[in-house]
Amino acid sequence: MKIGMAYDLKEDVALSAGQPEDALEEYDCLETVQAIATALEFLGHVVVMLGGGKDFLINILQNNVDFVFNIAEGRGKYRSREAQVPAILEMLNMPYSGADPQCLTICLDKPLTKKLVAEASILTPAWQVISDIKELKGIVWDSFPFPAFVKPAYEGSSKGIRFSSRVESPKEIPGAVETVLEKYGQPAMLEEFIPGDEVTVGIVGTPPQILGIMRVLPRQGCDPNFIYSLEVKREWEKLVSYECPARLPPKTMQDIAEASLKAFKVLGCRDVARIDFRVDTQRKPYLLEVNPLPGLRPGYSDLPIMAQEMGYEYKTVIGLILNSALRRQNLPCLGVTTQPY
């Protein structure tokens, strides 16, 4: 099969004046693209590099591919940016991997995601959205739980989530909110901080199956106030260790698995997703966010690390994602399988 790859490289996206230094955090590096291409070629496919942005528009029209493996993050600050490439592919009636435009748009919007999972009876921390600094004057914080985090409402890859994003009381909110509004050009979301464990879940397949449940542990020792921030992710080899499968009580693991699969279904995810939780000191999981376009950089992104800990080779993970997409579209696929968690 001739497979096109849609992606956005950091070096292909211009960083304009005034943007925060993590503005390009969600975009991929060449290593990721080459690793996926190598895995696809190992599985017997011919790979065509389509790129992203305007290059993608030109290349998808000029190359006669059979299928697109999509990891493109989209361009701009739009909350629907991750839907750009899938929307074009649907217009062209071209089959592709991963979530559809609606799912990608919903999941990039953190407040909307939380609203939908909460309505589905999935626990999520309390939150408040602020679109304008003037709105703070009309908000009464008496019942809002602190400490909390202030983060961009429409981002992933921990963009805008730093140690300094934590606020201990209402008086610290204006400064943190103003920073998000000015630097990221989008609403700020204030979210209750849940002391406890950071846990992330990988899901692949059609029907979806748990690939692994991984706990992120600070190397300094157990700390319920540990924050899996951007600073930590960039220096993960020094600062954290990964425990997969997570050594949590069976009931907690079951609750996490059930909440993950339920959120995957409610939000309309397909083929692959990574879902993040905080597990409080009473072992109760709270869903933080759902990423239907998870990072796939080998040896760095959470999903490949999780898969490695569970005994899967990188090419097997790519095969599982690809086969899931092919299977649900009634296209021929290889015999790469996984077992339910």
C-alpha atoms as a PDB file:
ATOM      1  CA  MET A   1       0.000   0.000   0.000  1.00  0.00           C
ATOM      2  CA  LYS A   2       1.173   3.538  -0.771  1.00  0.00           C
ATOM      3  CA  ILE A   3       0.846   5.481   2.480  1.00  0.00           C
ATOM      4  CA  GLY A   4       1.210   9.236   2.737  1.00  0.00           C
ATOM      5  CA  MET A   5       2.406  10.771   6.001  1.00  0.00           C
ATOM      6  CA  ALA A   6       0.890  14.054   7.180  1.00  0.00           C
ATOM      7  CA  TYR A   7       2.903  15.860   9.851  1.00  0.00           C
ATOM      8  CA  ASP A   8       4.088  19.269  11.059  1.00  0.00           C
ATOM      9  CA  LEU A   9       7.786  19.683  11.809  1.00  0.00           C
ATOM     10  CA  LYS A  10       9.002  22.275  14.272  1.00  0.00           C
ATOM     11  CA  GLU A  11      11.465  23.639  11.720  1.00  0.00           C
ATOM     12  CA  ASP A  12       8.698  24.157   9.157  1.00  0.00           C
ATOM     13  CA  VAL A  13       6.627  26.434  11.404  1.00  0.00           C
ATOM     14  CA  ALA A  14       7.747  30.019  11.842  1.00  0.00           C
ATOM     15  CA  LEU A  15       7.954  31.352  15.408  1.00  0.00           C
ATOM     16  CA  SER A  16       6.706  34.941  15.306  1.00  0.00           C
ATOM     17  CA  ALA A  17       7.732  37.737  17.641  1.00  0.00           C
ATOM     18  CA  GLY A  18       6.041  37.693  21.030  1.00  0.00           C
ATOM     19  CA  GLN A  19       5.162  34.010  21.028  1.00  0.00           C
ATOM     20  CA  PRO A  20       6.122  31.955  24.119  1.00  0.00           C
ATOM     21  CA  GLU A  21       9.196  29.754  23.850  1.00  0.00           C
ATOM     22  CA  ASP A  22       7.020  26.621  23.965  1.00  0.00           C
ATOM     23  CA  ALA A  23       4.787  27.771  21.082  1.00  0.00           C
ATOM     24  CA  LEU A  24       6.054  24.958  18.835  1.00  0.00           C
ATOM     25  CA  GLU A  25       5.983  22.268  21.517  1.00  0.00           C
ATOM     26  CA  GLU A  26       3.244  20.202  19.865  1.00  0.00           C
ATOM     27  CA  TYR A  27       4.982  19.984  16.506  1.00  0.00           C
ATOM     28  CA  ASP A  28       7.122  16.974  15.715  1.00  0.00           C
ATOM     29  CA  CYS A  29      10.806  16.494  15.086  1.00  0.00           C
ATOM     30  CA  LEU A  30      12.262  14.732  12.057  1.00  0.00           C
ATOM     31  CA  GLU A  31      13.217  11.748  14.233  1.00  0.00           C
ATOM     32  CA  THR A  32       9.543  10.976  14.885  1.00  0.00           C
ATOM     33  CA  VAL A  33       8.553  11.157  11.226  1.00  0.00           C
ATOM     34  CA  GLN A  34      11.484   8.983  10.160  1.00  0.00           C
ATOM     35  CA  ALA A  35      10.729   6.408  12.874  1.00  0.00           C
ATOM     36  CA  ILE A  36       7.093   6.063  11.786  1.00  0.00           C
ATOM     37  CA  ALA A  37       8.100   5.888   8.123  1.00  0.00           C
ATOM     38  CA  THR A  38      10.638   3.157   8.892  1.00  0.00           C
ATOM     39  CA  ALA A  39       7.995   1.174  10.792  1.00  0.00           C
ATOM     40  CA  LEU A  40       5.520   1.489   7.922  1.00  0.00           C
ATOM     41  CA  GLU A  41       8.165   0.402   5.414  1.00  0.00           C
ATOM     42  CA  PHE A  42       9.051  -2.573   7.616  1.00  0.00           C
ATOM     43  CA  LEU A  43       5.383  -3.558   7.456  1.00  0.00           C
ATOM     44  CA  GLY A  44       5.651  -3.642   3.671  1.00  0.00           C
ATOM     45  CA  HIS A  45       4.276  -0.245   2.673  1.00  0.00           C
ATOM     46  CA  VAL A  46       5.649   2.509   0.439  1.00  0.00           C
ATOM     47  CA  VAL A  47       5.796   5.834   2.290  1.00  0.00           C
ATOM     48  CA  VAL A  48       5.292   9.269   0.712  1.00  0.00           C
ATOM     49  CA  MET A  49       6.095  12.357   2.794  1.00  0.00           C
ATOM     50  CA  LEU A  50       3.215  14.839   2.551  1.00  0.00           C
ATOM     51  CA  GLY A  51       4.253  17.275   5.286  1.00  0.00           C
ATOM     52  CA  GLY A  52       1.862  19.846   6.677  1.00  0.00           C
ATOM     53  CA  GLY A  53       0.396  23.271   6.005  1.00  0.00           C
ATOM     54  CA  LYS A  54       0.448  24.471   2.400  1.00  0.00           C
ATOM     55  CA  ASP A  55       2.958  21.768   1.470  1.00  0.00           C
ATOM     56  CA  PHE A  56       0.432  19.154   2.500  1.00  0.00           C
ATOM     57  CA  LEU A  57      -2.224  20.721   0.253  1.00  0.00           C
ATOM     58  CA  ILE A  58       0.090  20.562  -2.744  1.00  0.00           C
ATOM     59  CA  ASN A  59       1.470  17.100  -2.006  1.00  0.00           C
ATOM     60  CA  ILE A  60      -1.851  15.372  -1.306  1.00  0.00           C
ATOM     61  CA  LEU A  61      -3.134  16.566  -4.703  1.00  0.00           C
ATOM     62  CA  GLN A  62       0.037  15.656  -6.597  1.00  0.00           C
ATOM     63  CA  ASN A  63       0.675  12.213  -5.065  1.00  0.00           C
ATOM     64  CA  ASN A  64      -1.613   9.284  -5.690  1.00  0.00           C
ATOM     65  CA  VAL A  65      -1.550   7.691  -2.226  1.00  0.00           C
ATOM     66  CA  ASP A  66      -3.927   4.986  -0.987  1.00  0.00           C
ATOM     67  CA  PHE A  67      -4.059   6.043   2.650  1.00  0.00           C
ATOM     68  CA  VAL A  68      -2.731   8.747   4.997  1.00  0.00           C
ATOM     69  CA  PHE A  69      -1.066   8.137   8.354  1.00  0.00           C
ATOM     70  CA  ASN A  70      -1.875  11.387  10.139  1.00  0.00           C
ATOM     71  CA  ILE A  71       0.101  12.994  12.961  1.00  0.00           C
ATOM     72  CA  ALA A  72      -0.360  16.618  11.767  1.00  0.00           C
ATOM     73  CA  GLU A  73      -1.079  19.115  14.547  1.00  0.00           C
ATOM     74  CA  GLY A  74      -2.384  21.838  12.220  1.00  0.00           C
ATOM     75  CA  ARG A  75      -1.363  25.452  11.940  1.00  0.00           C
ATOM     76  CA  GLY A  76      -2.339  28.583  13.862  1.00  0.00           C
ATOM     77  CA  LYS A  77      -3.884  29.133  17.303  1.00  0.00           C
ATOM     78  CA  TYR A  78      -7.315  27.817  16.358  1.00  0.00           C
ATOM     79  CA  ARG A  79      -8.979  25.382  18.704  1.00  0.00           C
ATOM     80  CA  SER A  80      -9.885  23.353  15.595  1.00  0.00           C
ATOM     81  CA  ARG A  81      -6.353  23.305  14.161  1.00  0.00           C
ATOM     82  CA  GLU A  82      -5.851  19.552  14.678  1.00  0.00           C
ATOM     83  CA  ALA A  83      -8.927  18.999  12.493  1.00  0.00           C
ATOM     84  CA  GLN A  84      -7.438  20.771   9.456  1.00  0.00           C
ATOM     85  CA  VAL A  85      -5.782  17.776   7.770  1.00  0.00           C
ATOM     86  CA  PRO A  86      -8.549  15.218   8.487  1.00  0.00           C
ATOM     87  CA  ALA A  87     -11.156  17.683   7.151  1.00  0.00           C
ATOM     88  CA  ILE A  88      -9.246  17.996   3.879  1.00  0.00           C
ATOM     89  CA  LEU A  89      -8.843  14.231   3.639  1.00  0.00           C
ATOM     90  CA  GLU A  90     -12.569  13.725   4.143  1.00  0.00           C
ATOM     91  CA  MET A  91     -13.302  16.270   1.411  1.00  0.00           C
ATOM     92  CA  LEU A  92     -11.030  14.226  -0.885  1.00  0.00           C
ATOM     93  CA  ASN A  93     -12.627  10.953   0.293  1.00  0.00           C
ATOM     94  CA  MET A  94      -9.182   9.746   1.351  1.00  0.00           C
ATOM     95  CA  PRO A  95      -8.937   7.162   4.172  1.00  0.00           C
ATOM     96  CA  TYR A  96      -6.673   8.102   7.070  1.00  0.00           C
ATOM     97  CA  SER A  97      -5.623   7.038  10.560  1.00  0.00           C
ATOM     98  CA  GLY A  98      -6.828   8.467  13.820  1.00  0.00           C
ATOM     99  CA  ALA A  99      -9.685  10.638  15.000  1.00  0.00           C
ATOM    100  CA  ASP A 100     -12.037  12.609  12.782  1.00  0.00           C
ATOM    101  CA  PRO A 101     -12.260  16.434  12.713  1.00  0.00           C
ATOM    102  CA  GLN A 102     -15.040  16.632  15.279  1.00  0.00           C
ATOM    103  CA  CYS A 103     -13.242  14.509  17.873  1.00  0.00           C
ATOM    104  CA  LEU A 104      -9.965  16.377  17.392  1.00  0.00           C
ATOM    105  CA  THR A 105     -11.693  19.741  17.770  1.00  0.00           C
ATOM    106  CA  ILE A 106     -13.519  18.677  20.914  1.00  0.00           C
ATOM    107  CA  CYS A 107     -10.480  17.158  22.622  1.00  0.00           C
ATOM    108  CA  LEU A 108      -8.200  20.130  21.971  1.00  0.00           C
ATOM    109  CA  ASP A 109     -10.797  22.226  23.800  1.00  0.00           C
ATOM    110  CA  LYS A 110     -10.036  21.140  27.382  1.00  0.00           C
ATOM    111  CA  PRO A 111     -13.117  22.741  29.020  1.00  0.00           C
ATOM    112  CA  LEU A 112     -15.471  21.191  26.468  1.00  0.00           C
ATOM    113  CA  THR A 113     -13.813  17.786  26.925  1.00  0.00           C
ATOM    114  CA  LYS A 114     -14.233  18.041  30.705  1.00  0.00           C
ATOM    115  CA  LYS A 115     -17.875  19.052  30.335  1.00  0.00           C
ATOM    116  CA  LEU A 116     -18.652  16.042  28.137  1.00  0.00           C
ATOM    117  CA  VAL A 117     -16.852  13.493  30.310  1.00  0.00           C
ATOM    118  CA  ALA A 118     -18.429  14.958  33.454  1.00  0.00           C
ATOM    119  CA  GLU A 119     -21.875  14.547  31.881  1.00  0.00           C
ATOM    120  CA  ALA A 120     -20.919  10.918  31.247  1.00  0.00           C
ATOM    121  CA  SER A 121     -20.284  10.514  35.021  1.00  0.00           C
ATOM    122  CA  ILE A 122     -16.489  10.423  34.666  1.00  0.00           C
ATOM    123  CA  LEU A 123     -14.712  12.239  37.484  1.00  0.00           C
ATOM    124  CA  THR A 124     -12.739  15.330  36.477  1.00  0.00           C
ATOM    125  CA  PRO A 125     -11.302  18.145  38.622  1.00  0.00           C
ATOM    126  CA  ALA A 126     -13.344  21.316  39.089  1.00  0.00           C
ATOM    127  CA  TRP A 127     -12.655  24.014  36.513  1.00  0.00           C
ATOM    128  CA  GLN A 128     -13.422  27.574  35.476  1.00  0.00           C
ATOM    129  CA  VAL A 129     -12.778  29.248  32.113  1.00  0.00           C
ATOM    130  CA  ILE A 130     -11.720  32.905  31.841  1.00  0.00           C
ATOM    131  CA  SER A 131     -11.773  34.480  28.364  1.00  0.00           C
ATOM    132  CA  ASP A 132     -11.133  38.059  29.468  1.00  0.00           C
ATOM    133  CA  ILE A 133      -9.331  39.436  32.500  1.00  0.00           C
ATOM    134  CA  LYS A 134     -12.403  41.568  33.254  1.00  0.00           C
ATOM    135  CA  GLU A 135     -14.428  38.409  33.942  1.00  0.00           C
ATOM    136  CA  LEU A 136     -12.492  37.853  37.167  1.00  0.00           C
ATOM    137  CA  LYS A 137     -14.369  40.688  38.844  1.00  0.00           C
ATOM    138  CA  GLY A 138     -17.635  38.776  38.611  1.00  0.00           C
ATOM    139  CA  ILE A 139     -16.368  35.410  39.885  1.00  0.00           C
ATOM    140  CA  VAL A 140     -16.741  34.402  43.526  1.00  0.00           C
ATOM    141  CA  TRP A 141     -14.056  31.893  44.494  1.00  0.00           C
ATOM    142  CA  ASP A 142     -15.410  30.879  47.909  1.00  0.00           C
ATOM    143  CA  SER A 143     -16.392  27.373  46.798  1.00  0.00           C
ATOM    144  CA  PHE A 144     -13.568  26.749  44.323  1.00  0.00           C
ATOM    145  CA  PRO A 145     -10.928  24.293  45.624  1.00  0.00           C
ATOM    146  CA  PHE A 146      -7.331  25.451  45.886  1.00  0.00           C
ATOM    147  CA  PRO A 147      -4.532  24.956  44.982  1.00  0.00           C
ATOM    148  CA  ALA A 148      -5.277  25.050  41.272  1.00  0.00           C
ATOM    149  CA  PHE A 149      -3.545  25.310  37.900  1.00  0.00           C
ATOM    150  CA  VAL A 150      -3.968  27.981  35.271  1.00  0.00           C
ATOM    151  CA  LYS A 151      -3.390  26.659  31.763  1.00  0.00           C
ATOM    152  CA  PRO A 152      -4.253  27.481  28.133  1.00  0.00           C
ATOM    153  CA  ALA A 153      -7.690  26.127  27.265  1.00  0.00           C
ATOM    154  CA  TYR A 154      -6.845  24.866  23.764  1.00  0.00           C
ATOM    155  CA  GLU A 155      -3.399  23.288  23.904  1.00  0.00           C
ATOM    156  CA  GLY A 156      -1.616  19.975  24.451  1.00  0.00           C
ATOM    157  CA  SER A 157       1.918  18.697  25.108  1.00  0.00           C
ATOM    158  CA  SER A 158       1.895  20.580  28.435  1.00  0.00           C
ATOM    159  CA  LYS A 159       2.136  23.930  26.656  1.00  0.00           C
ATOM    160  CA  GLY A 160       1.762  26.671  29.220  1.00  0.00           C
ATOM    161  CA  ILE A 161       1.887  24.250  32.146  1.00  0.00           C
ATOM    162  CA  ARG A 162       4.857  25.180  34.315  1.00  0.00           C
ATOM    163  CA  PHE A 163       5.704  25.081  38.005  1.00  0.00           C
ATOM    164  CA  SER A 164       4.641  28.727  38.051  1.00  0.00           C
ATOM    165  CA  SER A 165       1.164  27.806  36.730  1.00  0.00           C
ATOM    166  CA  ARG A 166       0.081  26.638  40.177  1.00  0.00           C
ATOM    167  CA  VAL A 167      -1.899  29.161  42.217  1.00  0.00           C
ATOM    168  CA  GLU A 168      -2.515  28.767  45.921  1.00  0.00           C
ATOM    169  CA  SER A 169      -5.308  31.306  46.404  1.00  0.00           C
ATOM    170  CA  PRO A 170      -7.626  33.643  44.460  1.00  0.00           C
ATOM    171  CA  LYS A 171      -5.228  36.575  44.807  1.00  0.00           C
ATOM    172  CA  GLU A 172      -2.694  34.761  42.578  1.00  0.00           C
ATOM    173  CA  ILE A 173      -5.195  34.123  39.764  1.00  0.00           C
ATOM    174  CA  PRO A 174      -5.101  37.481  37.897  1.00  0.00           C
ATOM    175  CA  GLY A 175      -1.370  37.354  37.168  1.00  0.00           C
ATOM    176  CA  ALA A 176      -1.455  33.737  35.986  1.00  0.00           C
ATOM    177  CA  VAL A 177      -4.573  34.289  33.844  1.00  0.00           C
ATOM    178  CA  GLU A 178      -3.150  37.425  32.271  1.00  0.00           C
ATOM    179  CA  THR A 179      -0.015  35.507  31.294  1.00  0.00           C
ATOM    180  CA  VAL A 180      -2.042  32.842  29.469  1.00  0.00           C
ATOM    181  CA  LEU A 181      -4.310  35.372  27.747  1.00  0.00           C
ATOM    182  CA  GLU A 182      -1.372  37.442  26.509  1.00  0.00           C
ATOM    183  CA  LYS A 183       1.139  34.716  25.622  1.00  0.00           C
ATOM    184  CA  TYR A 184      -1.171  32.113  24.127  1.00  0.00           C
ATOM    185  CA  GLY A 185      -3.966  34.274  22.710  1.00  0.00           C
ATOM    186  CA  GLN A 186      -6.747  32.050  24.035  1.00  0.00           C
ATOM    187  CA  PRO A 187      -8.903  31.584  27.148  1.00  0.00           C
ATOM    188  CA  ALA A 188      -7.323  30.394  30.378  1.00  0.00           C
ATOM    189  CA  MET A 189      -8.656  27.421  32.285  1.00  0.00           C
ATOM    190  CA  LEU A 190      -8.348  27.271  36.050  1.00  0.00           C
ATOM    191  CA  GLU A 191      -8.359  23.637  37.172  1.00  0.00           C
ATOM    192  CA  GLU A 192      -8.401  22.150  40.652  1.00  0.00           C
ATOM    193  CA  PHE A 193      -5.103  20.466  41.526  1.00  0.00           C
ATOM    194  CA  ILE A 194      -5.521  16.875  42.712  1.00  0.00           C
ATOM    195  CA  PRO A 195      -2.704  15.784  45.068  1.00  0.00           C
ATOM    196  CA  GLY A 196      -1.619  12.240  44.298  1.00  0.00           C
ATOM    197  CA  ASP A 197      -0.263  10.247  41.371  1.00  0.00           C
ATOM    198  CA  GLU A 198       0.124  11.198  37.726  1.00  0.00           C
ATOM    199  CA  VAL A 199      -1.167   8.382  35.507  1.00  0.00           C
ATOM    200  CA  THR A 200      -1.467   8.125  31.739  1.00  0.00           C
ATOM    201  CA  VAL A 201      -3.304   5.476  29.733  1.00  0.00           C
ATOM    202  CA  GLY A 202      -2.664   4.302  26.182  1.00  0.00           C
ATOM    203  CA  ILE A 203      -5.505   2.970  24.042  1.00  0.00           C
ATOM    204  CA  VAL A 204      -5.212   1.400  20.594  1.00  0.00           C
ATOM    205  CA  GLY A 205      -7.322  -0.660  18.256  1.00  0.00           C
ATOM    206  CA  THR A 206     -10.761  -1.286  16.811  1.00  0.00           C
ATOM    207  CA  PRO A 207     -12.439  -2.178  19.093  1.00  0.00           C
ATOM    208  CA  PRO A 208     -10.331  -0.077  21.503  1.00  0.00           C
ATOM    209  CA  GLN A 209      -8.121  -1.885  23.993  1.00  0.00           C
ATOM    210  CA  ILE A 210      -5.904  -0.674  26.825  1.00  0.00           C
ATOM    211  CA  LEU A 211      -2.270  -0.786  25.736  1.00  0.00           C
ATOM    212  CA  GLY A 212      -1.016   0.116  29.200  1.00  0.00           C
ATOM    213  CA  ILE A 213      -1.588   2.142  32.355  1.00  0.00           C
ATOM    214  CA  MET A 214       1.551   4.025  33.341  1.00  0.00           C
ATOM    215  CA  ARG A 215       2.363   5.935  36.513  1.00  0.00           C
ATOM    216  CA  VAL A 216       4.830   8.831  36.323  1.00  0.00           C
ATOM    217  CA  LEU A 217       6.989   8.962  39.446  1.00  0.00           C
ATOM    218  CA  PRO A 218       9.408  11.721  40.539  1.00  0.00           C
ATOM    219  CA  ARG A 219      12.910  10.394  41.053  1.00  0.00           C
ATOM    220  CA  GLN A 220      13.219  12.429  44.251  1.00  0.00           C
ATOM    221  CA  GLY A 221      10.675  10.133  45.894  1.00  0.00           C
ATOM    222  CA  CYS A 222       6.940  10.015  46.522  1.00  0.00           C
ATOM    223  CA  ASP A 223       5.405  13.495  46.368  1.00  0.00           C
ATOM    224  CA  PRO A 224       1.615  14.007  46.122  1.00  0.00           C
ATOM    225  CA  ASN A 225       2.292  17.560  44.875  1.00  0.00           C
ATOM    226  CA  PHE A 226       4.441  16.390  41.965  1.00  0.00           C
ATOM    227  CA  ILE A 227       3.645  18.192  38.698  1.00  0.00           C
ATOM    228  CA  TYR A 228       4.284  16.573  35.313  1.00  0.00           C
ATOM    229  CA  SER A 229       5.056  19.978  33.834  1.00  0.00           C
ATOM    230  CA  LEU A 230       6.788  20.966  30.621  1.00  0.00           C
ATOM    231  CA  GLU A 231      10.072  21.414  32.478  1.00  0.00           C
ATOM    232  CA  VAL A 232       9.816  17.832  33.756  1.00  0.00           C
ATOM    233  CA  LYS A 233       8.855  16.356  30.377  1.00  0.00           C
ATOM    234  CA  ARG A 234      11.845  17.975  28.707  1.00  0.00           C
ATOM    235  CA  GLU A 235      14.195  16.502  31.312  1.00  0.00           C
ATOM    236  CA  TRP A 236      12.287  13.291  32.026  1.00  0.00           C
ATOM    237  CA  GLU A 237      15.349  11.029  32.061  1.00  0.00           C
ATOM    238  CA  LYS A 238      16.756  12.985  35.003  1.00  0.00           C
ATOM    239  CA  LEU A 239      13.549  13.842  36.837  1.00  0.00           C
ATOM    240  CA  VAL A 240      11.065  10.969  36.514  1.00  0.00           C
ATOM    241  CA  SER A 241      10.756   7.218  36.200  1.00  0.00           C
ATOM    242  CA  TYR A 242       7.911   5.298  34.601  1.00  0.00           C
ATOM    243  CA  GLU A 243       6.029   2.422  36.172  1.00  0.00           C
ATOM    244  CA  CYS A 244       4.063   0.358  33.676  1.00  0.00           C
ATOM    245  CA  PRO A 245       1.843  -1.338  34.480  1.00  0.00           C
ATOM    246  CA  ALA A 246       1.205   1.032  37.370  1.00  0.00           C
ATOM    247  CA  ARG A 247       1.397  -0.615  40.769  1.00  0.00           C
ATOM    248  CA  LEU A 248      -1.943   0.628  42.040  1.00  0.00           C
ATOM    249  CA  PRO A 249      -4.741  -1.306  43.773  1.00  0.00           C
ATOM    250  CA  PRO A 250      -6.753  -3.577  41.422  1.00  0.00           C
ATOM    251  CA  LYS A 251      -9.928  -1.548  41.989  1.00  0.00           C
ATOM    252  CA  THR A 252      -8.153   1.680  41.048  1.00  0.00           C
ATOM    253  CA  MET A 253      -6.684   0.089  37.919  1.00  0.00           C
ATOM    254  CA  GLN A 254     -10.139  -1.157  36.961  1.00  0.00           C
ATOM    255  CA  ASP A 255     -11.659   2.293  37.537  1.00  0.00           C
ATOM    256  CA  ILE A 256      -8.953   3.918  35.377  1.00  0.00           C
ATOM    257  CA  ALA A 257      -9.405   1.391  32.571  1.00  0.00           C
ATOM    258  CA  GLU A 258     -13.192   1.747  32.572  1.00  0.00           C
ATOM    259  CA  ALA A 259     -13.071   5.555  32.653  1.00  0.00           C
ATOM    260  CA  SER A 260     -10.510   5.573  29.822  1.00  0.00           C
ATOM    261  CA  LEU A 261     -12.521   3.352  27.504  1.00  0.00           C
ATOM    262  CA  LYS A 262     -15.709   5.235  28.327  1.00  0.00           C
ATOM    263  CA  ALA A 263     -14.095   8.614  27.557  1.00  0.00           C
ATOM    264  CA  PHE A 264     -12.604   7.189  24.346  1.00  0.00           C
ATOM    265  CA  LYS A 265     -16.104   6.192  23.222  1.00  0.00           C
ATOM    266  CA  VAL A 266     -17.950   9.294  24.452  1.00  0.00           C
ATOM    267  CA  LEU A 267     -15.550  11.648  22.652  1.00  0.00           C
ATOM    268  CA  GLY A 268     -15.434   9.603  19.448  1.00  0.00           C
ATOM    269  CA  CYS A 269     -11.733   8.695  19.480  1.00  0.00           C
ATOM    270  CA  ARG A 270     -10.436   6.215  16.920  1.00  0.00           C
ATOM    271  CA  ASP A 271      -7.388   3.957  16.517  1.00  0.00           C
ATOM    272  CA  VAL A 272      -5.250   5.534  19.255  1.00  0.00           C
ATOM    273  CA  ALA A 273      -5.438   7.932  22.184  1.00  0.00           C
ATOM    274  CA  ARG A 274      -3.659   8.781  25.402  1.00  0.00           C
ATOM    275  CA  ILE A 275      -5.721   9.767  28.435  1.00  0.00           C
ATOM    276  CA  ASP A 276      -4.261  11.525  31.476  1.00  0.00           C
ATOM    277  CA  PHE A 277      -5.423  11.200  35.075  1.00  0.00           C
ATOM    278  CA  ARG A 278      -4.572  12.289  38.574  1.00  0.00           C
ATOM    279  CA  VAL A 279      -5.221   9.624  41.196  1.00  0.00           C
ATOM    280  CA  ASP A 280      -5.907  11.189  44.577  1.00  0.00           C
ATOM    281  CA  THR A 281      -4.660   9.954  47.939  1.00  0.00           C
ATOM    282  CA  GLN A 282      -7.850   7.884  48.323  1.00  0.00           C
ATOM    283  CA  ARG A 283      -6.982   6.101  45.023  1.00  0.00           C
ATOM    284  CA  LYS A 284      -9.800   7.783  43.116  1.00  0.00           C
ATOM    285  CA  PRO A 285      -8.935   8.679  39.469  1.00  0.00           C
ATOM    286  CA  TYR A 286      -9.776  12.106  38.007  1.00  0.00           C
ATOM    287  CA  LEU A 287      -9.578  12.536  34.241  1.00  0.00           C
ATOM    288  CA  LEU A 288      -7.484  15.549  33.186  1.00  0.00           C
ATOM    289  CA  GLU A 289      -7.533  15.421  29.403  1.00  0.00           C
ATOM    290  CA  VAL A 290      -7.830  13.207  26.340  1.00  0.00           C
ATOM    291  CA  ASN A 291      -5.294  13.312  23.521  1.00  0.00           C
ATOM    292  CA  PRO A 292      -6.560  11.594  20.338  1.00  0.00           C
ATOM    293  CA  LEU A 293      -3.358  12.630  18.550  1.00  0.00           C
ATOM    294  CA  PRO A 294      -0.691  11.495  21.040  1.00  0.00           C
ATOM    295  CA  GLY A 295       3.022  12.006  20.542  1.00  0.00           C
ATOM    296  CA  LEU A 296       4.796   9.057  18.897  1.00  0.00           C
ATOM    297  CA  ARG A 297       8.447  10.005  19.283  1.00  0.00           C
ATOM    298  CA  PRO A 298      10.304   6.804  20.235  1.00  0.00           C
ATOM    299  CA  GLY A 299      12.045   6.913  23.603  1.00  0.00           C
ATOM    300  CA  TYR A 300      10.470  10.271  24.487  1.00  0.00           C
ATOM    301  CA  SER A 301       6.685  10.372  24.103  1.00  0.00           C
ATOM    302  CA  ASP A 302       4.598   8.685  26.793  1.00  0.00           C
ATOM    303  CA  LEU A 303       2.796   6.254  24.487  1.00  0.00           C
ATOM    304  CA  PRO A 304       5.952   4.671  22.970  1.00  0.00           C
ATOM    305  CA  ILE A 305       7.575   4.525  26.422  1.00  0.00           C
ATOM    306  CA  MET A 306       4.484   2.822  27.805  1.00  0.00           C
ATOM    307  CA  ALA A 307       4.405   0.361  24.925  1.00  0.00           C
ATOM    308  CA  GLN A 308       8.072  -0.495  25.435  1.00  0.00           C
ATOM    309  CA  GLU A 309       7.462  -1.127  29.133  1.00  0.00           C
ATOM    310  CA  MET A 310       4.611  -3.471  28.160  1.00  0.00           C
ATOM    311  CA  GLY A 311       6.884  -5.415  25.795  1.00  0.00           C
ATOM    312  CA  TYR A 312       5.803  -3.981  22.419  1.00  0.00           C
ATOM    313  CA  GLU A 313       8.333  -2.970  19.788  1.00  0.00           C
ATOM    314  CA  TYR A 314       7.853   0.467  18.250  1.00  0.00           C
ATOM    315  CA  LYS A 315       6.977  -0.945  14.836  1.00  0.00           C
ATOM    316  CA  THR A 316       4.309  -3.102  16.469  1.00  0.00           C
ATOM    317  CA  VAL A 317       2.630  -0.032  17.978  1.00  0.00           C
ATOM    318  CA  ILE A 318       2.596   1.725  14.611  1.00  0.00           C
ATOM    319  CA  GLY A 319       1.199  -1.472  13.096  1.00  0.00           C
ATOM    320  CA  LEU A 320      -1.576  -1.601  15.693  1.00  0.00           C
ATOM    321  CA  ILE A 321      -2.605   1.991  14.951  1.00  0.00           C
ATOM    322  CA  LEU A 322      -2.464   1.447  11.196  1.00  0.00           C
ATOM    323  CA  ASN A 323      -4.366  -1.836  11.283  1.00  0.00           C
ATOM    324  CA  SER A 324      -7.062  -0.337  13.466  1.00  0.00           C
ATOM    325  CA  ALA A 325      -7.614   2.403  10.895  1.00  0.00           C
ATOM    326  CA  LEU A 326      -7.568  -0.049   7.995  1.00  0.00           C
ATOM    327  CA  ARG A 327      -9.907  -2.481   9.728  1.00  0.00           C
ATOM    328  CA  ARG A 328     -12.613   0.062  10.522  1.00  0.00           C
ATOM    329  CA  GLN A 329     -12.519   1.189   6.871  1.00  0.00           C
ATOM    330  CA  ASN A 330     -12.678  -2.389   5.543  1.00  0.00           C
ATOM    331  CA  LEU A 331      -9.202  -2.204   4.023  1.00  0.00           C
ATOM    332  CA  PRO A 332      -6.672  -5.090   4.040  1.00  0.00           C
ATOM    333  CA  CYS A 333      -4.460  -5.176   7.133  1.00  0.00           C
ATOM    334  CA  LEU A 334      -1.631  -7.222   8.625  1.00  0.00           C
ATOM    335  CA  GLY A 335      -1.862  -9.612  11.542  1.00  0.00           C
ATOM    336  CA  VAL A 336      -0.503  -7.302  14.248  1.00  0.00           C
ATOM    337  CA  THR A 337      -2.509  -7.761  17.441  1.00  0.00           C
ATOM    338  CA  THR A 338      -2.554  -6.907  21.111  1.00  0.00           C
ATOM    339  CA  GLN A 339      -4.370  -8.330  24.059  1.00  0.00           C
ATOM    340  CA  PRO A 340      -6.805  -6.431  26.314  1.00  0.00           C
ATOM    341  CA  TYR A 341      -5.160  -4.996  29.444  1.00  0.00           C
END
